[in-house]
Amino acid sequence: MSYLKGKSALMFYDRHPEMRTKWGERHLWARGYYVATVGNVNEETTRNYNREQEENDKLEESNK
């Protein structure tokens, strides 16, 4: 998963170089990732996971 996130970030910045300078040292992807089977995930589960990741990112930023 780390490989995919790294390569997709490089592709994104190749296509949108202005975002690299706009975001500065921030990372494109959150540290973690979520894996589940298709039948066990609903929209609420995905929204909760995304919300938790945003909260974790904010905590990490404030601790720097």
N, C-alpha and C. Protein backbone atom coordinates (compact mmCIF):
# COMPACT_ATOMS: atom_id res chain seq x y z
N MET A 1 0.83 -1.18 0.00
CA MET A 1 0.00 0.00 0.00
C MET A 1 0.88 1.25 0.00
N SER A 2 1.97 1.19 0.73
CA SER A 2 2.89 2.32 0.77
C SER A 2 3.40 2.66 -0.63
N TYR A 3 3.73 1.63 -1.40
CA TYR A 3 4.21 1.83 -2.76
C TYR A 3 3.16 2.54 -3.61
N LEU A 4 1.91 2.07 -3.55
CA LEU A 4 0.83 2.68 -4.33
C LEU A 4 0.60 4.13 -3.94
N LYS A 5 0.61 4.41 -2.64
CA LYS A 5 0.40 5.78 -2.19
C LYS A 5 1.55 6.68 -2.64
N GLY A 6 2.77 6.16 -2.57
CA GLY A 6 3.92 6.95 -2.99
C GLY A 6 3.92 7.26 -4.47
N LYS A 7 3.65 6.24 -5.28
CA LYS A 7 3.63 6.44 -6.72
C LYS A 7 2.48 7.35 -7.15
N SER A 8 1.30 7.18 -6.53
CA SER A 8 0.17 8.03 -6.91
C SER A 8 0.43 9.48 -6.51
N ALA A 9 1.13 9.69 -5.40
CA ALA A 9 1.47 11.06 -5.00
C ALA A 9 2.42 11.69 -6.02
N LEU A 10 3.41 10.92 -6.48
CA LEU A 10 4.33 11.44 -7.49
C LEU A 10 3.60 11.78 -8.78
N MET A 11 2.67 10.92 -9.19
CA MET A 11 1.89 11.17 -10.40
C MET A 11 1.03 12.43 -10.24
N PHE A 12 0.43 12.58 -9.06
CA PHE A 12 -0.40 13.75 -8.79
C PHE A 12 0.43 15.02 -8.89
N TYR A 13 1.61 15.02 -8.26
CA TYR A 13 2.45 16.22 -8.29
C TYR A 13 3.04 16.48 -9.67
N ASP A 14 3.23 15.43 -10.47
CA ASP A 14 3.67 15.64 -11.86
C ASP A 14 2.60 16.37 -12.65
N ARG A 15 1.35 16.01 -12.41
CA ARG A 15 0.23 16.63 -13.13
C ARG A 15 -0.18 17.98 -12.56
N HIS A 16 0.09 18.18 -11.26
CA HIS A 16 -0.31 19.42 -10.58
C HIS A 16 0.85 19.96 -9.74
N PRO A 17 1.92 20.43 -10.38
CA PRO A 17 3.10 20.89 -9.63
C PRO A 17 2.82 22.08 -8.72
N GLU A 18 1.80 22.85 -9.03
CA GLU A 18 1.47 24.00 -8.19
C GLU A 18 1.01 23.58 -6.80
N MET A 19 0.50 22.37 -6.66
CA MET A 19 0.02 21.90 -5.36
C MET A 19 1.18 21.61 -4.41
N ARG A 20 2.33 21.23 -4.94
CA ARG A 20 3.48 20.95 -4.08
C ARG A 20 3.91 22.20 -3.32
N THR A 21 3.95 23.33 -4.01
CA THR A 21 4.35 24.57 -3.35
C THR A 21 3.21 25.13 -2.50
N LYS A 22 1.98 24.88 -2.91
CA LYS A 22 0.83 25.38 -2.15
C LYS A 22 0.73 24.67 -0.80
N TRP A 23 0.98 23.36 -0.76
CA TRP A 23 0.84 22.59 0.46
C TRP A 23 2.11 22.56 1.30
N GLY A 24 3.21 22.97 0.76
CA GLY A 24 4.47 22.98 1.52
C GLY A 24 4.90 21.58 1.92
N GLU A 25 5.14 21.38 3.20
CA GLU A 25 5.65 20.10 3.70
C GLU A 25 4.56 19.09 4.04
N ARG A 26 3.31 19.44 3.81
CA ARG A 26 2.23 18.50 4.11
C ARG A 26 2.27 17.32 3.16
N HIS A 27 1.83 16.18 3.65
CA HIS A 27 1.80 14.97 2.84
C HIS A 27 0.47 14.87 2.09
N LEU A 28 0.51 14.25 0.92
CA LEU A 28 -0.70 14.08 0.14
C LEU A 28 -1.63 13.06 0.79
N TRP A 29 -1.08 11.97 1.30
CA TRP A 29 -1.87 10.90 1.88
C TRP A 29 -1.71 10.86 3.39
N ALA A 30 -2.74 10.37 4.07
CA ALA A 30 -2.65 10.11 5.51
C ALA A 30 -1.73 8.91 5.73
N ARG A 31 -1.25 8.75 6.94
CA ARG A 31 -0.31 7.68 7.24
C ARG A 31 -0.94 6.30 7.07
N GLY A 32 -2.16 6.12 7.52
CA GLY A 32 -2.80 4.81 7.50
C GLY A 32 -3.59 4.54 6.24
N TYR A 33 -4.20 3.39 6.22
CA TYR A 33 -5.11 3.04 5.14
C TYR A 33 -6.12 2.04 5.66
N TYR A 34 -7.24 1.95 4.98
CA TYR A 34 -8.34 1.11 5.41
C TYR A 34 -8.57 0.01 4.40
N VAL A 35 -8.73 -1.21 4.89
CA VAL A 35 -8.98 -2.35 4.01
C VAL A 35 -10.17 -3.12 4.54
N ALA A 36 -11.11 -3.42 3.66
CA ALA A 36 -12.27 -4.25 4.02
C ALA A 36 -12.82 -4.87 2.75
N THR A 37 -13.61 -5.90 2.92
CA THR A 37 -14.24 -6.50 1.76
C THR A 37 -15.38 -5.61 1.30
N VAL A 38 -15.73 -5.69 0.05
CA VAL A 38 -16.74 -4.81 -0.53
C VAL A 38 -18.07 -4.95 0.17
N GLY A 39 -18.47 -6.13 0.53
CA GLY A 39 -19.77 -6.35 1.14
C GLY A 39 -19.89 -5.83 2.55
N ASN A 40 -18.78 -5.51 3.22
CA ASN A 40 -18.83 -5.10 4.62
C ASN A 40 -18.64 -3.61 4.84
N VAL A 41 -18.60 -2.84 3.78
CA VAL A 41 -18.36 -1.41 3.92
C VAL A 41 -19.57 -0.65 3.40
N ASN A 42 -19.99 0.32 4.19
CA ASN A 42 -21.05 1.21 3.73
C ASN A 42 -20.55 2.65 3.80
N GLU A 43 -21.35 3.56 3.37
CA GLU A 43 -20.93 4.96 3.32
C GLU A 43 -20.61 5.51 4.71
N GLU A 44 -21.39 5.12 5.70
CA GLU A 44 -21.15 5.61 7.07
C GLU A 44 -19.78 5.16 7.59
N THR A 45 -19.43 3.91 7.32
CA THR A 45 -18.13 3.39 7.75
C THR A 45 -17.00 4.18 7.12
N THR A 46 -17.12 4.46 5.83
CA THR A 46 -16.10 5.21 5.11
C THR A 46 -16.00 6.64 5.63
N ARG A 47 -17.13 7.28 5.86
CA ARG A 47 -17.12 8.65 6.39
C ARG A 47 -16.48 8.71 7.78
N ASN A 48 -16.81 7.74 8.63
CA ASN A 48 -16.21 7.70 9.97
C ASN A 48 -14.71 7.53 9.90
N TYR A 49 -14.24 6.65 9.03
CA TYR A 49 -12.80 6.43 8.88
C TYR A 49 -12.12 7.71 8.40
N ASN A 50 -12.69 8.37 7.40
CA ASN A 50 -12.10 9.61 6.89
C ASN A 50 -12.06 10.68 7.97
N ARG A 51 -13.12 10.80 8.74
CA ARG A 51 -13.16 11.80 9.82
C ARG A 51 -12.06 11.52 10.85
N GLU A 52 -11.89 10.26 11.22
CA GLU A 52 -10.86 9.90 12.19
C GLU A 52 -9.46 10.20 11.65
N GLN A 53 -9.24 9.94 10.37
CA GLN A 53 -7.94 10.24 9.76
C GLN A 53 -7.66 11.73 9.77
N GLU A 54 -8.66 12.54 9.48
CA GLU A 54 -8.48 13.99 9.51
C GLU A 54 -8.15 14.46 10.92
N GLU A 55 -8.82 13.90 11.93
CA GLU A 55 -8.53 14.27 13.32
C GLU A 55 -7.11 13.87 13.70
N ASN A 56 -6.68 12.68 13.27
CA ASN A 56 -5.31 12.24 13.57
C ASN A 56 -4.28 13.14 12.90
N ASP A 57 -4.54 13.54 11.66
CA ASP A 57 -3.63 14.44 10.95
C ASP A 57 -3.53 15.78 11.65
N LYS A 58 -4.64 16.31 12.15
CA LYS A 58 -4.64 17.59 12.86
C LYS A 58 -3.84 17.47 14.14
N LEU A 59 -3.99 16.35 14.85
CA LEU A 59 -3.22 16.15 16.08
C LEU A 59 -1.72 16.09 15.80
N GLU A 60 -1.35 15.38 14.73
CA GLU A 60 0.06 15.29 14.37
C GLU A 60 0.62 16.66 14.01
N GLU A 61 -0.15 17.45 13.27
CA GLU A 61 0.30 18.80 12.88
C GLU A 61 0.50 19.69 14.10
N SER A 62 -0.40 19.57 15.08
CA SER A 62 -0.30 20.43 16.27
C SER A 62 0.84 20.01 17.17
N ASN A 63 1.30 18.76 17.07
CA ASN A 63 2.40 18.27 17.90
C ASN A 63 3.76 18.57 17.30
N LYS A 64 3.81 19.11 16.10
CA LYS A 64 5.10 19.41 15.45
C LYS A 64 5.67 20.70 15.94
